[in-house]
């Protein structure tokens, strides 16, 4: 879906569907895994999120799709999906950018880390719109393409939630 911009209504619909799948997953988690699930949640954006997103935009140019995501969803913590997935808040993304700078990805003018997994791998979105995943749990090693767009990244995440035993 490169070239198409992420739509806020699509993000809202995606989160509603993902949240419903998470609810089903959490209901079957204890009997399936033998221990209770962690806190698997997503927070919808608030005025504070919008202010943090604006501050992030002032700090560095960020892809419009990430702005759209943050205008709808503040953050998500999904520790029980695979090894865990975490969409960082805009304030956290800004803090990481100040501390570490952009992800070092050849061919991208700027790549902003916005998520991670439970193994410490990082996800960055570049100005191309592609989502990249670090090959190791490091800010400074190689990154490989994880999805051609943020929408596809979110679709992949939904499929992981749906396929979770």
N, C-alpha and C. Protein backbone atom coordinates (compact mmCIF):
# COMPACT_ATOMS: atom_id res chain seq x y z
N UNK A 1 0.79 -1.19 0.00
CA UNK A 1 0.00 0.00 0.00
C UNK A 1 0.85 1.27 0.00
N UNK A 2 2.12 1.20 -0.43
CA UNK A 2 2.93 2.40 -0.46
C UNK A 2 2.28 3.48 -1.31
N UNK A 3 2.46 4.71 -0.89
CA UNK A 3 1.89 5.82 -1.63
C UNK A 3 0.55 6.28 -1.08
N UNK A 4 -0.19 5.38 -0.45
CA UNK A 4 -1.47 5.75 0.15
C UNK A 4 -1.23 6.19 1.58
N UNK A 5 -1.96 7.21 1.98
CA UNK A 5 -1.82 7.70 3.36
C UNK A 5 -2.74 6.93 4.29
N UNK A 6 -2.28 6.76 5.50
CA UNK A 6 -3.07 6.10 6.53
C UNK A 6 -4.24 7.01 6.89
N UNK A 7 -5.40 6.43 7.02
CA UNK A 7 -6.62 7.17 7.31
C UNK A 7 -7.01 6.97 8.77
N UNK A 8 -7.37 8.04 9.45
CA UNK A 8 -7.72 7.97 10.87
C UNK A 8 -8.90 7.03 11.12
N UNK A 9 -9.87 7.02 10.25
CA UNK A 9 -11.02 6.11 10.43
C UNK A 9 -10.57 4.66 10.31
N UNK A 10 -9.64 4.40 9.40
CA UNK A 10 -9.11 3.05 9.26
C UNK A 10 -8.41 2.64 10.56
N UNK A 11 -7.62 3.55 11.14
CA UNK A 11 -6.92 3.25 12.40
C UNK A 11 -7.93 2.96 13.51
N UNK A 12 -8.98 3.77 13.60
CA UNK A 12 -10.01 3.52 14.62
C UNK A 12 -10.64 2.14 14.44
N UNK A 13 -10.98 1.81 13.21
CA UNK A 13 -11.58 0.51 12.92
C UNK A 13 -10.59 -0.62 13.23
N UNK A 14 -9.34 -0.41 12.83
CA UNK A 14 -8.32 -1.42 13.11
C UNK A 14 -8.23 -1.66 14.62
N UNK A 15 -8.19 -0.59 15.42
CA UNK A 15 -8.06 -0.77 16.85
C UNK A 15 -9.29 -1.45 17.44
N UNK A 16 -10.47 -1.10 16.99
CA UNK A 16 -11.69 -1.75 17.49
C UNK A 16 -11.63 -3.26 17.23
N UNK A 17 -11.21 -3.64 16.03
CA UNK A 17 -11.10 -5.06 15.70
C UNK A 17 -10.00 -5.74 16.51
N UNK A 18 -8.84 -5.08 16.63
CA UNK A 18 -7.73 -5.64 17.41
C UNK A 18 -8.13 -5.78 18.88
N UNK A 19 -8.83 -4.79 19.40
CA UNK A 19 -9.28 -4.84 20.80
C UNK A 19 -10.25 -5.99 21.03
N UNK A 20 -11.16 -6.22 20.09
CA UNK A 20 -12.09 -7.34 20.20
C UNK A 20 -11.34 -8.67 20.17
N UNK A 21 -10.32 -8.78 19.30
CA UNK A 21 -9.52 -10.01 19.25
C UNK A 21 -8.73 -10.19 20.55
N UNK A 22 -8.22 -9.09 21.10
CA UNK A 22 -7.50 -9.17 22.38
C UNK A 22 -8.41 -9.63 23.50
N UNK A 23 -9.64 -9.15 23.50
CA UNK A 23 -10.60 -9.56 24.53
C UNK A 23 -10.81 -11.07 24.47
N UNK A 24 -11.00 -11.61 23.26
CA UNK A 24 -11.17 -13.06 23.11
C UNK A 24 -9.91 -13.80 23.55
N UNK A 25 -8.74 -13.28 23.17
CA UNK A 25 -7.48 -13.90 23.54
C UNK A 25 -7.32 -13.93 25.06
N UNK A 26 -7.64 -12.84 25.73
CA UNK A 26 -7.46 -12.76 27.18
C UNK A 26 -8.42 -13.71 27.90
N UNK A 27 -9.62 -13.93 27.32
CA UNK A 27 -10.59 -14.84 27.95
C UNK A 27 -10.10 -16.29 27.90
N UNK A 28 -9.34 -16.64 26.89
CA UNK A 28 -8.87 -18.03 26.76
C UNK A 28 -7.41 -18.19 27.20
N UNK A 29 -6.79 -17.12 27.62
CA UNK A 29 -5.35 -17.16 27.89
C UNK A 29 -4.99 -18.09 29.05
N UNK A 30 -5.63 -17.93 30.20
CA UNK A 30 -5.30 -18.74 31.38
C UNK A 30 -5.48 -20.23 31.11
N UNK A 31 -6.65 -20.67 30.58
CA UNK A 31 -6.79 -22.10 30.31
C UNK A 31 -5.79 -22.63 29.28
N UNK A 32 -5.43 -21.80 28.32
CA UNK A 32 -4.52 -22.23 27.26
C UNK A 32 -3.07 -22.27 27.73
N UNK A 33 -2.66 -21.26 28.48
CA UNK A 33 -1.25 -21.13 28.83
C UNK A 33 -0.93 -21.53 30.27
N UNK A 34 -1.93 -21.63 31.13
CA UNK A 34 -1.69 -22.06 32.50
C UNK A 34 -1.25 -20.95 33.45
N UNK A 35 -1.21 -19.74 32.97
CA UNK A 35 -0.90 -18.58 33.82
C UNK A 35 -1.69 -17.39 33.29
N UNK A 36 -1.94 -16.41 34.15
CA UNK A 36 -2.77 -15.28 33.73
C UNK A 36 -2.02 -14.38 32.74
N UNK A 37 -2.77 -13.71 31.88
CA UNK A 37 -2.14 -12.80 30.92
C UNK A 37 -1.66 -11.53 31.60
N UNK A 38 -0.78 -10.84 30.91
CA UNK A 38 -0.35 -9.51 31.36
C UNK A 38 -1.42 -8.50 31.01
N UNK A 39 -1.08 -7.26 31.14
CA UNK A 39 -2.00 -6.18 30.82
C UNK A 39 -1.84 -5.81 29.35
N UNK A 40 -2.71 -6.32 28.51
CA UNK A 40 -2.67 -6.08 27.07
C UNK A 40 -3.68 -4.98 26.76
N UNK A 41 -3.16 -3.78 26.52
CA UNK A 41 -4.05 -2.64 26.35
C UNK A 41 -3.54 -1.70 25.26
N UNK A 42 -4.45 -0.91 24.82
CA UNK A 42 -4.13 0.21 23.94
C UNK A 42 -4.84 1.42 24.49
N UNK A 43 -4.20 2.55 24.39
CA UNK A 43 -4.81 3.78 24.88
C UNK A 43 -5.16 4.66 23.70
N UNK A 44 -6.39 5.11 23.70
CA UNK A 44 -6.79 6.04 22.65
C UNK A 44 -6.17 7.40 22.93
N UNK A 45 -5.95 8.14 21.87
CA UNK A 45 -5.31 9.45 21.98
C UNK A 45 -6.18 10.41 22.78
N UNK A 46 -5.51 11.30 23.48
CA UNK A 46 -6.15 12.35 24.27
C UNK A 46 -5.57 13.69 23.81
N UNK A 47 -6.02 14.74 24.44
CA UNK A 47 -5.43 16.06 24.14
C UNK A 47 -3.94 16.07 24.49
N UNK A 48 -3.56 15.37 25.57
CA UNK A 48 -2.14 15.28 25.92
C UNK A 48 -1.36 14.55 24.83
N UNK A 49 -1.94 13.50 24.27
CA UNK A 49 -1.29 12.79 23.17
C UNK A 49 -1.11 13.70 21.97
N UNK A 50 -2.16 14.47 21.66
CA UNK A 50 -2.08 15.40 20.53
C UNK A 50 -0.98 16.43 20.76
N UNK A 51 -0.86 16.93 21.99
CA UNK A 51 0.20 17.90 22.31
C UNK A 51 1.57 17.24 22.18
N UNK A 52 1.70 16.00 22.66
CA UNK A 52 2.98 15.28 22.55
C UNK A 52 3.32 15.00 21.09
N UNK A 53 2.31 14.70 20.28
CA UNK A 53 2.53 14.48 18.85
C UNK A 53 3.00 15.76 18.19
N UNK A 54 2.38 16.87 18.52
CA UNK A 54 2.80 18.17 17.97
C UNK A 54 4.23 18.48 18.38
N UNK A 55 4.59 18.18 19.63
CA UNK A 55 5.96 18.41 20.09
C UNK A 55 6.94 17.52 19.34
N UNK A 56 6.54 16.29 19.05
CA UNK A 56 7.39 15.38 18.28
C UNK A 56 7.60 15.92 16.87
N UNK A 57 6.53 16.42 16.26
CA UNK A 57 6.63 17.01 14.92
C UNK A 57 7.55 18.23 14.95
N UNK A 58 7.50 19.01 16.02
CA UNK A 58 8.39 20.17 16.14
C UNK A 58 9.85 19.74 16.31
N UNK A 59 10.07 18.58 16.94
CA UNK A 59 11.41 18.07 17.18
C UNK A 59 12.07 17.57 15.90
N UNK A 60 11.30 16.85 15.10
CA UNK A 60 11.85 16.24 13.88
C UNK A 60 10.71 15.97 12.90
N UNK A 61 11.00 16.01 11.63
CA UNK A 61 9.95 15.66 10.68
C UNK A 61 9.60 14.17 10.83
N UNK A 62 8.32 13.87 10.98
CA UNK A 62 7.91 12.47 11.10
C UNK A 62 6.93 12.16 9.98
N UNK A 63 6.89 10.91 9.53
CA UNK A 63 5.95 10.54 8.47
C UNK A 63 4.51 10.82 8.88
N UNK A 64 3.72 11.30 7.94
CA UNK A 64 2.34 11.67 8.23
C UNK A 64 1.53 10.47 8.75
N UNK A 65 1.87 9.25 8.31
CA UNK A 65 1.14 8.08 8.81
C UNK A 65 1.31 7.90 10.31
N UNK A 66 2.50 8.20 10.81
CA UNK A 66 2.73 8.10 12.26
C UNK A 66 1.94 9.17 13.00
N UNK A 67 1.87 10.35 12.42
CA UNK A 67 1.05 11.42 13.02
C UNK A 67 -0.41 10.97 13.08
N UNK A 68 -0.89 10.37 12.01
CA UNK A 68 -2.27 9.87 11.98
C UNK A 68 -2.49 8.81 13.05
N UNK A 69 -1.56 7.87 13.17
CA UNK A 69 -1.68 6.84 14.20
C UNK A 69 -1.77 7.47 15.58
N UNK A 70 -0.86 8.41 15.87
CA UNK A 70 -0.84 9.04 17.18
C UNK A 70 -2.04 9.96 17.41
N UNK A 71 -2.70 10.38 16.37
CA UNK A 71 -3.90 11.19 16.56
C UNK A 71 -5.07 10.33 17.01
N UNK A 72 -4.96 9.00 16.80
CA UNK A 72 -6.03 8.07 17.18
C UNK A 72 -5.62 7.21 18.38
N UNK A 73 -4.40 6.68 18.36
CA UNK A 73 -3.92 5.77 19.40
C UNK A 73 -2.69 6.38 20.04
N UNK A 74 -2.70 6.48 21.35
CA UNK A 74 -1.56 7.03 22.06
C UNK A 74 -0.43 6.01 22.16
N UNK A 75 -0.77 4.79 22.55
CA UNK A 75 0.22 3.73 22.71
C UNK A 75 -0.50 2.41 22.88
N UNK A 76 0.25 1.33 22.75
CA UNK A 76 -0.31 0.00 22.95
C UNK A 76 0.75 -0.88 23.61
N UNK A 77 0.31 -1.70 24.53
CA UNK A 77 1.18 -2.65 25.22
C UNK A 77 0.54 -4.03 25.06
N UNK A 78 1.20 -4.89 24.32
CA UNK A 78 0.66 -6.21 24.02
C UNK A 78 1.70 -7.28 24.40
N UNK A 79 1.96 -7.45 25.70
CA UNK A 79 3.02 -8.36 26.11
C UNK A 79 2.74 -9.83 25.81
N UNK A 80 1.48 -10.19 25.59
CA UNK A 80 1.14 -11.60 25.38
C UNK A 80 0.89 -11.96 23.92
N UNK A 81 1.21 -11.06 23.01
CA UNK A 81 1.11 -11.36 21.58
C UNK A 81 2.51 -11.72 21.12
N UNK A 82 2.69 -12.97 20.70
CA UNK A 82 4.02 -13.51 20.40
C UNK A 82 4.94 -13.21 21.59
N UNK A 83 6.08 -12.61 21.33
CA UNK A 83 7.00 -12.28 22.43
C UNK A 83 6.72 -10.90 23.00
N UNK A 84 5.68 -10.25 22.49
CA UNK A 84 5.28 -8.93 22.95
C UNK A 84 5.46 -7.89 21.86
N UNK A 85 4.54 -6.94 21.82
CA UNK A 85 4.61 -5.80 20.90
C UNK A 85 4.20 -4.56 21.68
N UNK A 86 4.92 -3.49 21.43
CA UNK A 86 4.69 -2.25 22.16
C UNK A 86 4.78 -1.07 21.20
N UNK A 87 3.67 -0.36 21.03
CA UNK A 87 3.68 0.88 20.27
C UNK A 87 3.94 1.98 21.29
N UNK A 88 5.04 2.67 21.11
CA UNK A 88 5.46 3.68 22.08
C UNK A 88 4.60 4.94 21.94
N UNK A 89 4.42 5.63 23.03
CA UNK A 89 3.70 6.90 23.02
C UNK A 89 4.53 7.93 22.26
N UNK A 90 3.90 9.00 21.77
CA UNK A 90 4.69 10.04 21.10
C UNK A 90 5.71 10.68 22.03
N UNK A 91 5.39 10.80 23.31
CA UNK A 91 6.36 11.36 24.26
C UNK A 91 7.58 10.44 24.39
N UNK A 92 7.35 9.14 24.43
CA UNK A 92 8.47 8.19 24.51
C UNK A 92 9.28 8.22 23.22
N UNK A 93 8.61 8.27 22.08
CA UNK A 93 9.32 8.34 20.79
C UNK A 93 10.19 9.60 20.74
N UNK A 94 9.67 10.71 21.24
CA UNK A 94 10.46 11.95 21.27
C UNK A 94 11.66 11.82 22.20
N UNK A 95 11.45 11.22 23.37
CA UNK A 95 12.55 11.02 24.30
C UNK A 95 13.64 10.14 23.70
N UNK A 96 13.23 9.07 23.06
CA UNK A 96 14.20 8.18 22.41
C UNK A 96 14.94 8.92 21.29
N UNK A 97 14.21 9.75 20.53
CA UNK A 97 14.85 10.50 19.46
C UNK A 97 15.90 11.46 20.03
N UNK A 98 15.56 12.13 21.12
CA UNK A 98 16.52 13.04 21.75
C UNK A 98 17.74 12.27 22.27
N UNK A 99 17.51 11.08 22.84
CA UNK A 99 18.60 10.30 23.42
C UNK A 99 19.47 9.60 22.37
N UNK A 100 18.84 9.06 21.32
CA UNK A 100 19.55 8.19 20.38
C UNK A 100 19.59 8.71 18.94
N UNK A 101 18.76 9.69 18.62
CA UNK A 101 18.70 10.18 17.25
C UNK A 101 17.87 9.25 16.38
N UNK A 102 17.89 9.47 15.07
CA UNK A 102 17.12 8.61 14.18
C UNK A 102 17.78 7.24 14.04
N UNK A 103 17.00 6.25 13.67
CA UNK A 103 17.55 4.92 13.39
C UNK A 103 18.44 5.03 12.15
N UNK A 104 19.60 4.40 12.18
CA UNK A 104 20.55 4.51 11.06
C UNK A 104 20.19 3.60 9.90
N UNK A 105 19.31 4.07 9.05
CA UNK A 105 18.82 3.25 7.93
C UNK A 105 19.22 3.93 6.63
N UNK A 106 20.06 3.24 5.84
CA UNK A 106 20.47 3.78 4.55
C UNK A 106 19.26 4.01 3.66
N UNK A 107 19.26 5.14 2.98
CA UNK A 107 18.19 5.46 2.05
C UNK A 107 17.02 6.19 2.68
N UNK A 108 17.01 6.31 3.99
CA UNK A 108 15.95 7.05 4.67
C UNK A 108 16.54 8.36 5.18
N UNK A 109 15.88 9.46 4.89
CA UNK A 109 16.33 10.74 5.40
C UNK A 109 16.26 10.74 6.92
N UNK A 110 15.14 10.24 7.42
CA UNK A 110 14.97 10.12 8.86
C UNK A 110 14.12 8.89 9.12
N UNK A 111 14.46 8.14 10.14
CA UNK A 111 13.68 6.97 10.53
C UNK A 111 13.47 7.06 12.04
N UNK A 112 12.24 7.12 12.44
CA UNK A 112 11.89 7.35 13.84
C UNK A 112 11.42 6.04 14.47
N UNK A 113 12.06 5.66 15.57
CA UNK A 113 11.64 4.46 16.31
C UNK A 113 10.33 4.77 17.01
N UNK A 114 9.32 3.91 16.78
CA UNK A 114 7.99 4.14 17.36
C UNK A 114 7.44 2.91 18.07
N UNK A 115 8.15 1.78 18.00
CA UNK A 115 7.63 0.55 18.60
C UNK A 115 8.79 -0.40 18.87
N UNK A 116 8.48 -1.45 19.63
CA UNK A 116 9.47 -2.49 19.92
C UNK A 116 8.74 -3.80 20.17
N UNK A 117 9.52 -4.87 20.22
CA UNK A 117 8.93 -6.15 20.59
C UNK A 117 9.52 -6.59 21.92
N UNK A 118 9.04 -7.69 22.43
CA UNK A 118 9.48 -8.16 23.74
C UNK A 118 10.92 -8.65 23.76
N UNK A 119 11.51 -8.82 22.61
CA UNK A 119 12.91 -9.22 22.53
C UNK A 119 13.86 -8.04 22.41
N UNK A 120 13.32 -6.83 22.47
CA UNK A 120 14.15 -5.63 22.39
C UNK A 120 14.39 -5.13 20.99
N UNK A 121 13.85 -5.81 19.98
CA UNK A 121 13.99 -5.31 18.61
C UNK A 121 13.14 -4.06 18.45
N UNK A 122 13.62 -3.15 17.65
CA UNK A 122 12.98 -1.85 17.46
C UNK A 122 12.29 -1.79 16.10
N UNK A 123 11.21 -1.03 16.04
CA UNK A 123 10.52 -0.75 14.78
C UNK A 123 10.62 0.75 14.54
N UNK A 124 11.03 1.10 13.33
CA UNK A 124 11.16 2.50 12.95
C UNK A 124 10.40 2.72 11.65
N UNK A 125 9.84 3.89 11.51
CA UNK A 125 9.20 4.25 10.26
C UNK A 125 10.05 5.33 9.61
N UNK A 126 10.33 5.10 8.33
CA UNK A 126 11.15 6.04 7.59
C UNK A 126 10.30 7.03 6.82
N UNK A 127 10.96 8.04 6.28
CA UNK A 127 10.23 9.03 5.49
C UNK A 127 9.67 8.40 4.22
N UNK A 128 10.15 7.22 3.83
CA UNK A 128 9.59 6.49 2.69
C UNK A 128 8.23 5.89 3.02
N UNK A 129 7.92 5.82 4.32
CA UNK A 129 6.68 5.18 4.77
C UNK A 129 6.87 3.72 5.15
N UNK A 130 8.03 3.16 4.82
CA UNK A 130 8.29 1.77 5.17
C UNK A 130 8.56 1.64 6.67
N UNK A 131 8.20 0.47 7.21
CA UNK A 131 8.49 0.16 8.61
C UNK A 131 9.65 -0.82 8.63
N UNK A 132 10.63 -0.49 9.44
CA UNK A 132 11.86 -1.26 9.54
C UNK A 132 11.96 -1.91 10.92
N UNK A 133 12.60 -3.08 10.99
CA UNK A 133 12.82 -3.76 12.27
C UNK A 133 14.33 -3.98 12.45
N UNK A 134 14.82 -3.66 13.64
CA UNK A 134 16.24 -3.90 13.91
C UNK A 134 16.52 -5.39 13.90
N UNK A 135 17.70 -5.75 13.39
CA UNK A 135 18.07 -7.17 13.32
C UNK A 135 18.55 -7.71 14.65
N UNK A 136 18.91 -6.79 15.55
CA UNK A 136 19.31 -7.15 16.91
C UNK A 136 18.64 -6.15 17.86
N UNK A 137 18.64 -6.43 19.15
CA UNK A 137 18.05 -5.47 20.09
C UNK A 137 18.99 -4.28 20.32
N UNK A 138 19.22 -3.50 19.27
CA UNK A 138 20.14 -2.38 19.35
C UNK A 138 19.66 -1.23 18.47
N UNK A 139 19.96 -0.03 18.90
CA UNK A 139 19.64 1.16 18.11
C UNK A 139 20.61 1.34 16.96
N UNK A 140 21.75 0.68 17.01
CA UNK A 140 22.84 1.02 16.11
C UNK A 140 23.23 -0.08 15.14
N UNK A 141 22.53 -1.19 15.12
CA UNK A 141 22.82 -2.25 14.15
C UNK A 141 21.92 -2.10 12.93
N UNK A 142 21.92 -3.12 12.11
CA UNK A 142 21.14 -3.08 10.87
C UNK A 142 19.65 -3.15 11.13
N UNK A 143 18.92 -2.60 10.18
CA UNK A 143 17.45 -2.68 10.16
C UNK A 143 17.04 -3.31 8.83
N UNK A 144 15.99 -4.12 8.88
CA UNK A 144 15.43 -4.74 7.67
C UNK A 144 13.99 -4.31 7.54
N UNK A 145 13.49 -4.30 6.31
CA UNK A 145 12.10 -3.91 6.08
C UNK A 145 11.19 -4.93 6.75
N UNK A 146 10.28 -4.44 7.58
CA UNK A 146 9.29 -5.29 8.25
C UNK A 146 7.94 -5.21 7.57
N UNK A 147 7.64 -4.06 6.97
CA UNK A 147 6.36 -3.87 6.28
C UNK A 147 6.52 -2.70 5.31
N UNK A 148 5.82 -2.75 4.18
CA UNK A 148 5.94 -1.67 3.20
C UNK A 148 5.26 -0.37 3.64
N UNK A 149 4.42 -0.47 4.69
CA UNK A 149 3.71 0.72 5.17
C UNK A 149 3.28 0.49 6.62
N UNK A 150 2.91 1.57 7.27
CA UNK A 150 2.42 1.46 8.65
C UNK A 150 1.10 0.69 8.68
N UNK A 151 0.27 0.88 7.68
CA UNK A 151 -0.99 0.14 7.63
C UNK A 151 -0.73 -1.36 7.55
N UNK A 152 0.22 -1.77 6.73
CA UNK A 152 0.54 -3.19 6.64
C UNK A 152 1.16 -3.69 7.94
N UNK A 153 1.97 -2.89 8.60
CA UNK A 153 2.52 -3.26 9.90
C UNK A 153 1.39 -3.53 10.89
N UNK A 154 0.41 -2.64 10.93
CA UNK A 154 -0.73 -2.81 11.83
C UNK A 154 -1.56 -4.03 11.44
N UNK A 155 -1.73 -4.26 10.15
CA UNK A 155 -2.43 -5.47 9.69
C UNK A 155 -1.70 -6.73 10.14
N UNK A 156 -0.37 -6.72 10.02
CA UNK A 156 0.43 -7.87 10.47
C UNK A 156 0.24 -8.10 11.97
N UNK A 157 0.22 -7.02 12.73
CA UNK A 157 0.02 -7.13 14.16
C UNK A 157 -1.35 -7.73 14.48
N UNK A 158 -2.38 -7.29 13.77
CA UNK A 158 -3.73 -7.85 13.96
C UNK A 158 -3.74 -9.34 13.64
N UNK A 159 -3.04 -9.74 12.59
CA UNK A 159 -3.00 -11.16 12.25
C UNK A 159 -2.28 -11.96 13.34
N UNK A 160 -1.26 -11.37 13.95
CA UNK A 160 -0.58 -12.05 15.06
C UNK A 160 -1.51 -12.22 16.26
N UNK A 161 -2.28 -11.20 16.55
CA UNK A 161 -3.26 -11.29 17.65
C UNK A 161 -4.26 -12.40 17.34
N UNK A 162 -4.78 -12.41 16.12
CA UNK A 162 -5.81 -13.37 15.74
C UNK A 162 -5.30 -14.81 15.74
N UNK A 163 -4.02 -15.01 15.43
CA UNK A 163 -3.48 -16.36 15.34
C UNK A 163 -2.89 -16.87 16.65
N UNK A 164 -2.90 -16.05 17.66
CA UNK A 164 -2.36 -16.42 18.97
C UNK A 164 -3.21 -17.54 19.58
N UNK A 165 -2.57 -18.59 20.06
CA UNK A 165 -3.36 -19.69 20.66
C UNK A 165 -3.97 -19.29 21.99
